[in-house]
Protein backbone atom coordinates (compact mmCIF):
# COMPACT_ATOMS: atom_id res chain seq x y z
CA UNK A 1 -82.73 14.01 102.53
CA UNK A 2 -79.28 13.32 101.97
CA UNK A 3 -77.50 13.64 98.83
CA UNK A 4 -73.83 12.48 98.29
CA UNK A 5 -72.31 12.95 94.83
CA UNK A 6 -69.32 11.22 94.21
CA UNK A 7 -66.10 11.87 92.31
CA UNK A 8 -64.52 9.43 91.58
CA UNK A 9 -60.74 9.89 90.19
CA UNK A 10 -59.42 8.07 87.53
CA UNK A 11 -55.54 8.30 87.15
CA UNK A 12 -53.43 9.14 84.01
CA UNK A 13 -52.51 5.30 81.99
CA UNK A 14 -49.30 6.11 80.30
CA UNK A 15 -47.16 9.41 80.03
CA UNK A 16 -44.20 9.25 76.80
CA UNK A 17 -42.22 12.37 75.67
CA UNK A 18 -41.47 12.53 71.96
CA UNK A 19 -39.32 14.48 69.46
CA UNK A 20 -40.08 16.55 67.47
CA UNK A 21 -39.73 13.83 64.71
CA UNK A 22 -42.31 11.78 66.80
CA UNK A 23 -39.32 9.30 67.95
CA UNK A 24 -39.94 7.86 71.69
CA UNK A 25 -37.32 9.40 74.47
CA UNK A 26 -36.24 6.88 76.81
CA UNK A 27 -33.91 7.44 80.15
CA UNK A 28 -31.69 9.63 77.67
CA UNK A 29 -31.88 12.15 75.21
CA UNK A 30 -28.37 12.77 72.67
CA UNK A 31 -28.59 16.27 71.02
CA UNK A 32 -26.56 19.10 69.19
CA UNK A 33 -24.58 22.35 70.70
CA UNK A 34 -26.90 24.60 69.29
CA UNK A 35 -30.17 22.10 68.97
CA UNK A 36 -33.13 23.83 69.17
CA UNK A 37 -35.02 21.01 70.77
CA UNK A 38 -38.30 20.71 70.72
CA UNK A 39 -40.60 17.99 72.63
CA UNK A 40 -43.92 16.34 73.24
CA UNK A 41 -44.94 15.21 76.32
CA UNK A 42 -47.95 12.86 75.51
CA UNK A 43 -50.50 11.69 78.72
CA UNK A 44 -53.04 9.26 77.90
CA UNK A 45 -56.02 8.73 80.14
CA UNK A 46 -57.55 10.05 83.94
CA UNK A 47 -59.98 11.67 84.51
CA UNK A 48 -60.63 14.29 84.75
CA UNK A 49 -58.28 15.85 82.23
CA UNK A 50 -54.85 16.11 84.45
CA UNK A 51 -52.53 18.49 85.33
CA UNK A 52 -49.71 18.33 83.02
CA UNK A 53 -46.36 20.60 83.53
CA UNK A 54 -42.30 20.23 82.54
CA UNK A 55 -39.35 20.14 84.89
CA UNK A 56 -35.96 21.33 84.35
CA UNK A 57 -32.64 19.96 86.43
CA UNK A 58 -35.24 19.08 89.20
CA UNK A 59 -35.89 22.67 89.20
CA UNK A 60 -39.51 23.43 87.64
CA UNK A 61 -38.85 25.40 84.75
CA UNK A 62 -42.62 25.55 83.02
CA UNK A 63 -45.83 25.02 84.71
CA UNK A 64 -49.12 24.35 82.27
CA UNK A 65 -51.70 24.98 83.74
CA UNK A 66 -55.97 23.02 83.24
CA UNK A 67 -56.45 24.49 80.21
CA UNK A 68 -53.45 25.01 78.51
CA UNK A 69 -52.49 20.89 77.46
CA UNK A 70 -53.97 20.48 73.65
CA UNK A 71 -55.70 17.55 73.53
CA UNK A 72 -55.43 15.36 70.75
CA UNK A 73 -58.26 12.78 71.17
CA UNK A 74 -58.22 9.04 71.82
CA UNK A 75 -58.07 10.53 75.44
CA UNK A 76 -54.38 11.89 75.29
CA UNK A 77 -54.07 14.88 75.73
CA UNK A 78 -50.07 17.09 74.80
CA UNK A 79 -48.38 19.81 76.45
CA UNK A 80 -45.29 20.41 74.19
CA UNK A 81 -41.71 21.89 75.33
CA UNK A 82 -39.04 24.02 72.92
CA UNK A 83 -35.57 24.27 74.41
CA UNK A 84 -33.77 27.22 72.61
CA UNK A 85 -29.83 26.74 71.22
CA UNK A 86 -28.31 24.48 73.43
CA UNK A 87 -25.84 25.51 75.19
CA UNK A 88 -22.67 22.75 76.87
CA UNK A 89 -23.83 24.03 80.15
CA UNK A 90 -26.81 21.95 79.53
CA UNK A 91 -25.27 18.52 79.96
CA UNK A 92 -26.50 15.76 81.63
CA UNK A 93 -29.35 18.40 82.79
CA UNK A 94 -32.86 16.52 83.64
CA UNK A 95 -35.82 16.64 81.14
CA UNK A 96 -39.04 15.96 83.30
CA UNK A 97 -42.53 15.76 82.11
CA UNK A 98 -45.29 15.79 85.08
CA UNK A 99 -48.80 14.44 85.24
CA UNK A 100 -51.41 14.35 87.62
CA UNK A 101 -54.75 15.83 89.55
CA UNK A 102 -52.95 16.89 92.55
CA UNK A 103 -48.89 17.08 93.88
CA UNK A 104 -49.47 13.82 95.94
CA UNK A 105 -49.85 11.21 92.92
CA UNK A 106 -47.68 12.33 89.89
CA UNK A 107 -46.79 10.65 86.45
CA UNK A 108 -43.45 11.39 85.43
CA UNK A 109 -41.38 10.77 82.50
CA UNK A 110 -37.49 11.97 82.93
CA UNK A 111 -34.65 12.01 80.30
CA UNK A 112 -31.18 12.63 80.85
CA UNK A 113 -30.07 14.99 78.33
CA UNK A 114 -26.36 13.75 76.81
CA UNK A 115 -25.38 17.00 74.66
CA UNK A 116 -22.63 16.74 71.45
CA UNK A 117 -20.18 19.62 72.14
CA UNK A 118 -17.82 20.51 69.38
CA UNK A 119 -13.81 20.96 70.55
CA UNK A 120 -13.44 24.48 72.83
CA UNK A 121 -9.74 24.45 71.31
CA UNK A 122 -7.02 22.90 70.95
CA UNK A 123 -2.84 23.20 70.98
CA UNK A 124 -0.12 22.10 70.15
CA UNK A 125 3.50 21.69 71.92
CA UNK A 126 6.46 19.70 72.16
CA UNK A 127 8.83 21.22 70.09
CA UNK A 128 12.07 23.70 70.85
CA UNK A 129 12.89 26.60 69.13
CA UNK A 130 15.42 26.59 67.20
CA UNK A 131 15.21 22.61 66.07
CA UNK A 132 18.09 20.62 63.92
CA UNK A 133 18.17 19.36 60.59
CA UNK A 134 18.59 15.48 60.93
CA UNK A 135 17.50 14.74 64.18
CA UNK A 136 13.51 13.74 65.15
CA UNK A 137 11.44 15.83 67.41
CA UNK A 138 8.18 14.36 68.98
CA UNK A 139 5.29 16.75 69.30
CA UNK A 140 2.06 16.72 70.63
CA UNK A 141 -1.98 17.77 69.85
CA UNK A 142 -4.04 18.30 72.98
CA UNK A 143 -8.07 19.42 72.42
CA UNK A 144 -10.77 20.60 75.00
CA UNK A 145 -14.84 20.19 74.96
CA UNK A 146 -15.61 17.64 72.92
CA UNK A 147 -18.41 15.76 73.97
CA UNK A 148 -17.67 12.09 72.60
CA UNK A 149 -13.74 12.44 71.76
CA UNK A 150 -12.94 14.50 68.65
CA UNK A 151 -10.60 12.91 66.00
CA UNK A 152 -7.08 14.76 65.81
CA UNK A 153 -5.81 15.13 62.59
CA UNK A 154 -2.46 16.44 61.48
CA UNK A 155 -1.60 17.74 58.89
CA UNK A 156 2.12 19.51 56.68
CA UNK A 157 2.38 22.61 54.41
CA UNK A 158 6.17 23.22 53.53
CA UNK A 159 6.83 25.89 51.81
CA UNK A 160 5.92 26.21 48.37
CA UNK A 161 4.42 23.15 48.85
CA UNK A 162 0.79 21.51 48.95
CA UNK A 163 -0.80 20.19 52.16
CA UNK A 164 -0.25 17.00 52.73
CA UNK A 165 -1.85 14.72 55.65
CA UNK A 166 0.77 13.11 58.14
CA UNK A 167 -1.22 11.59 60.87
CA UNK A 168 -4.83 10.60 62.63
CA UNK A 169 -6.56 9.98 65.32
CA UNK A 170 -9.66 8.92 66.75
CA UNK A 171 -8.88 10.12 71.05
CA UNK A 172 -12.19 8.22 71.75
CA UNK A 173 -10.43 5.03 70.95
CA UNK A 174 -8.16 5.65 73.86
CA UNK A 175 -10.04 7.68 76.22
CA UNK A 176 -7.63 10.19 76.27
CA UNK A 177 -7.07 13.87 75.47
CA UNK A 178 -3.96 14.44 73.20
CA UNK A 179 -2.20 13.26 70.78
CA UNK A 180 1.56 12.32 69.44
CA UNK A 181 3.06 12.77 65.97
CA UNK A 182 7.36 11.82 65.46
CA UNK A 183 8.60 13.78 62.50
CA UNK A 184 12.42 14.00 61.71
CA UNK A 185 13.20 17.07 60.54
CA UNK A 186 15.34 17.87 57.35
CA UNK A 187 16.70 21.02 55.87
CA UNK A 188 13.07 21.46 53.53
CA UNK A 189 10.92 21.77 56.75
CA UNK A 190 12.03 25.80 57.47
CA UNK A 191 9.18 27.27 57.86
CA UNK A 192 6.79 24.71 57.19
CA UNK A 193 3.03 24.97 58.86
CA UNK A 194 2.05 21.86 60.80
CA UNK A 195 -1.58 21.75 61.33
CA UNK A 196 -3.86 19.98 63.78
CA UNK A 197 -7.26 20.42 63.61
CA UNK A 198 -10.07 18.24 66.09
CA UNK A 199 -13.23 17.48 65.15
CA UNK A 200 -16.38 15.99 66.40
CA UNK A 201 -17.49 13.51 63.83
CA UNK A 202 -21.28 14.26 65.45
CA UNK A 203 -20.66 17.97 64.34
CA UNK A 204 -17.68 17.92 61.97
CA UNK A 205 -17.99 21.30 60.56
CA UNK A 206 -17.40 22.62 63.46
CA UNK A 207 -14.12 21.87 63.94
CA UNK A 208 -11.22 23.77 65.96
CA UNK A 209 -7.35 24.56 64.20
CA UNK A 210 -3.74 25.45 65.86
CA UNK A 211 -0.66 25.68 64.37
CA UNK A 212 2.83 25.56 64.97
CA UNK A 213 5.93 26.66 62.35
CA UNK A 214 9.24 25.19 62.61
CA UNK A 215 12.33 26.95 62.98
CA UNK A 216 14.85 24.63 61.76
CA UNK A 217 18.47 25.26 61.54
CA UNK A 218 20.40 23.75 59.11
CA UNK A 219 23.91 23.93 57.36
CA UNK A 220 23.63 25.73 54.23
CA UNK A 221 22.40 23.86 50.69
CA UNK A 222 24.64 25.46 47.97
CA UNK A 223 24.63 24.85 44.09
CA UNK A 224 27.04 26.52 42.29
CA UNK A 225 26.70 27.81 39.10
CA UNK A 226 27.81 30.19 35.60
CA UNK A 227 26.04 33.44 35.10
CA UNK A 228 23.29 32.86 32.19
CA UNK A 229 24.47 32.63 28.80
CA UNK A 230 27.39 31.09 29.75
CA UNK A 231 28.57 27.12 28.85
CA UNK A 232 31.32 26.14 30.55
CA UNK A 233 32.46 25.05 26.69
CA UNK A 234 32.53 27.71 24.95
CA UNK A 235 34.40 30.10 27.49
CA UNK A 236 36.98 32.03 25.50
CA UNK A 237 40.03 34.05 26.84
CA UNK A 238 39.03 36.94 27.19
CA UNK A 239 35.02 36.92 28.37
CA UNK A 240 33.96 38.12 31.54
CA UNK A 241 32.74 35.18 32.81
CA UNK A 242 30.69 34.83 36.31
CA UNK A 243 30.23 32.08 38.76
CA UNK A 244 26.75 32.33 41.13
CA UNK A 245 26.40 30.43 44.27
CA UNK A 246 23.43 30.10 45.30
CA UNK A 247 22.93 29.94 49.35
CA UNK A 248 20.07 28.35 51.24
CA UNK A 249 20.87 28.22 55.27
CA UNK A 250 19.33 29.46 58.14
CA UNK A 251 20.63 30.94 60.24
CA UNK A 252 22.17 33.25 57.56
CA UNK A 253 26.19 32.99 56.42
CA UNK A 254 28.41 34.82 57.65
CA UNK A 255 31.17 34.14 54.92
CA UNK A 256 31.55 32.88 51.57
CA UNK A 257 34.82 31.22 50.21
CA UNK A 258 35.57 30.63 46.78
CA UNK A 259 38.15 27.88 45.16
CA UNK A 260 39.95 27.44 42.16
CA UNK A 261 41.81 24.46 41.95
CA UNK A 262 41.97 23.91 45.71
CA UNK A 263 43.15 27.51 46.02
CA UNK A 264 40.79 30.39 47.88
CA UNK A 265 40.34 33.24 45.28
CA UNK A 266 40.70 36.38 46.42
CA UNK A 267 39.13 40.02 45.36
CA UNK A 268 42.10 41.31 43.70
CA UNK A 269 40.27 44.29 41.09
CA UNK A 270 43.31 45.19 39.59
CA UNK A 271 43.53 42.13 38.32
CA UNK A 272 40.10 41.54 37.28
CA UNK A 273 39.32 39.09 40.09
CA UNK A 274 35.59 40.06 41.79
CA UNK A 275 34.66 38.40 44.64
CA UNK A 276 31.50 39.39 45.92
CA UNK A 277 30.34 36.90 48.69
CA UNK A 278 27.53 34.70 46.35
CA UNK A 279 29.58 35.88 43.20
CA UNK A 280 32.68 35.72 41.44
CA UNK A 281 33.37 37.53 38.49
CA UNK A 282 36.98 36.96 35.79
CA UNK A 283 36.80 40.22 33.79
CA UNK A 284 39.44 39.41 30.51
CA UNK A 285 39.45 35.61 31.46
CA UNK A 286 42.94 33.58 30.17
CA UNK A 287 43.38 30.74 30.10
CA UNK A 288 45.63 30.02 33.89
CA UNK A 289 41.33 30.65 35.17
CA UNK A 290 40.99 27.06 33.22
CA UNK A 291 39.96 24.17 36.19
CA UNK A 292 37.56 23.66 38.63
CA UNK A 293 35.88 25.39 41.08
CA UNK A 294 33.48 25.61 44.35
CA UNK A 295 32.19 27.65 47.06
CA UNK A 296 31.77 26.85 50.51
CA UNK A 297 29.55 28.19 52.89
CA UNK A 298 29.76 28.16 56.79
CA UNK A 299 26.97 29.66 59.14
CA UNK A 300 26.92 28.85 63.32
CA UNK A 301 25.50 25.43 61.98
CA UNK A 302 28.51 23.89 60.24
CA UNK A 303 30.47 24.52 56.60
CA UNK A 304 29.23 23.37 53.23
CA UNK A 305 31.04 22.86 50.01
CA UNK A 306 29.39 23.44 46.93
CA UNK A 307 29.53 21.27 44.03
CA UNK A 308 32.57 20.91 41.55
CA UNK A 309 31.90 22.79 38.43
CA UNK A 310 35.22 22.75 35.61
CA UNK A 311 35.70 25.13 33.34
CA UNK A 312 37.98 25.04 30.38
CA UNK A 313 38.89 28.47 28.66
CA UNK A 314 39.54 28.50 24.69
CA UNK A 315 42.54 30.24 23.67
CA UNK A 316 44.40 30.45 20.43
CA UNK A 317 47.24 29.14 19.47
CA UNK A 318 50.70 29.90 20.81
CA UNK A 319 54.09 28.78 19.88
CA UNK A 320 55.68 26.18 22.92
CA UNK A 321 58.87 27.05 21.26
CA UNK A 322 61.00 30.56 20.48
CA UNK A 323 59.94 31.44 17.42
CA UNK A 324 62.98 32.58 16.11
CA UNK A 325 64.53 29.68 16.26
CA UNK A 326 67.96 29.70 13.71
CA UNK A 327 68.26 26.62 11.39
CA UNK A 328 71.37 26.44 8.58
CA UNK A 329 71.59 23.94 6.47
CA UNK A 330 74.68 23.63 3.27
CA UNK A 331 73.57 24.18 -0.49
CA UNK A 332 71.31 21.25 -1.65
CA UNK A 333 70.47 19.69 1.50
CA UNK A 334 67.17 18.57 2.93
CA UNK A 335 65.76 19.77 6.70
CA UNK A 336 62.66 18.76 8.69
CA UNK A 337 61.43 21.93 10.61
CA UNK A 338 59.06 21.01 13.26
CA UNK A 339 56.38 23.84 15.14
CA UNK A 340 55.76 22.75 18.37
CA UNK A 341 52.18 25.42 19.39
CA UNK A 342 50.17 25.13 22.63
CA UNK A 343 45.91 25.51 22.13
CA UNK A 344 42.63 24.50 23.05
CA UNK A 345 41.17 23.12 21.10
CA UNK A 346 43.86 21.06 19.85
CA UNK A 347 42.59 20.80 16.44
CA UNK A 348 45.23 23.36 14.51
CA UNK A 349 45.28 24.48 10.78
CA UNK A 350 49.01 25.05 10.43
CA UNK A 351 50.03 28.09 8.00
CA UNK A 352 53.71 28.20 6.31
CA UNK A 353 55.84 30.98 5.04
CA UNK A 354 59.19 30.77 3.18
CA UNK A 355 60.86 33.62 2.97
CA UNK A 356 64.05 35.43 1.66
CA UNK A 357 65.56 38.89 0.27
CA UNK A 358 64.29 37.71 -3.13
CA UNK A 359 60.82 35.72 -2.69
CA UNK A 360 58.28 34.96 -0.46
CA UNK A 361 56.28 31.44 -0.83
CA UNK A 362 53.45 30.56 1.61
CA UNK A 363 51.93 26.78 1.71
CA UNK A 364 49.14 26.12 3.82
CA UNK A 365 48.13 22.47 5.10
CA UNK A 366 46.40 20.87 8.16
CA UNK A 367 48.46 18.96 10.52
CA UNK A 368 47.33 17.04 13.57
């Protein structure tokens, strides 16, 4: 008697791959650079229990032999895969889960890994050194490594000013890797910092930044003022008067010239006139120094002249005519005497004194 034993092999009915969250994965799997990827392969049916294993990039990554799979009930078994810390090189990898009783009848689920990656670098270009105030310049910012295409954000930080955003572009909308910006340059942009920041909306905390510091050439900017504690309307003869010409320029000025009533003021220490670049000192000032003052500064870009500063020097009255004039009159004749003076301010108090050999009479009155 012969006994024939027949073994019936039942193929698995389905296979699916899930993320650790329980979400089913289709033909594409999206993840972020740096993630730890946890996957589960669920195989339903099959008798006897099938072998389940994974392959990565069509190379055998890990083979799960019988007994290593986890029976989760309801005629289902599970095999898990963990890929630690995904890198940009993992982009477009294929991850496959296989179930079979032999190598010729395989049930497979394959997913392609699409990896979101942060920008790797960012650079700024297009700006000459130096730039010149009054011109318009176009700068570009280029980034590499980001997937999907990143957002580029432009900012500007002037000296002693808050940083402000001046532009933003989503490169994914134009499928490019560069953003351009145009800037009208003036003297306040000297030493300002142009900033370009690239970031991926999927990985917003992993941004990269580059900067460019402006070198702007411009004509001197001048501000003329009296020294501290001095006011244009309270300068009196005999005082020492100081002028300061504040100069902002790039490149530096090579010459500062002073003018009084459109005539150049030259250094003459013997006369109390001291010219020292941005400073002018008038020692023991006299009324001849009343009038308008300007300073002029020159650099390789050009010459600039300050606004006018005017002063009037106050001085005591002095006779406009000879003080020793002799008037002759007959006895009993009435005469009129005229006293003319120069002074500033012009409201003057006159005192008259009549003297002869025997008497002296004084009378004081205010005369217009």
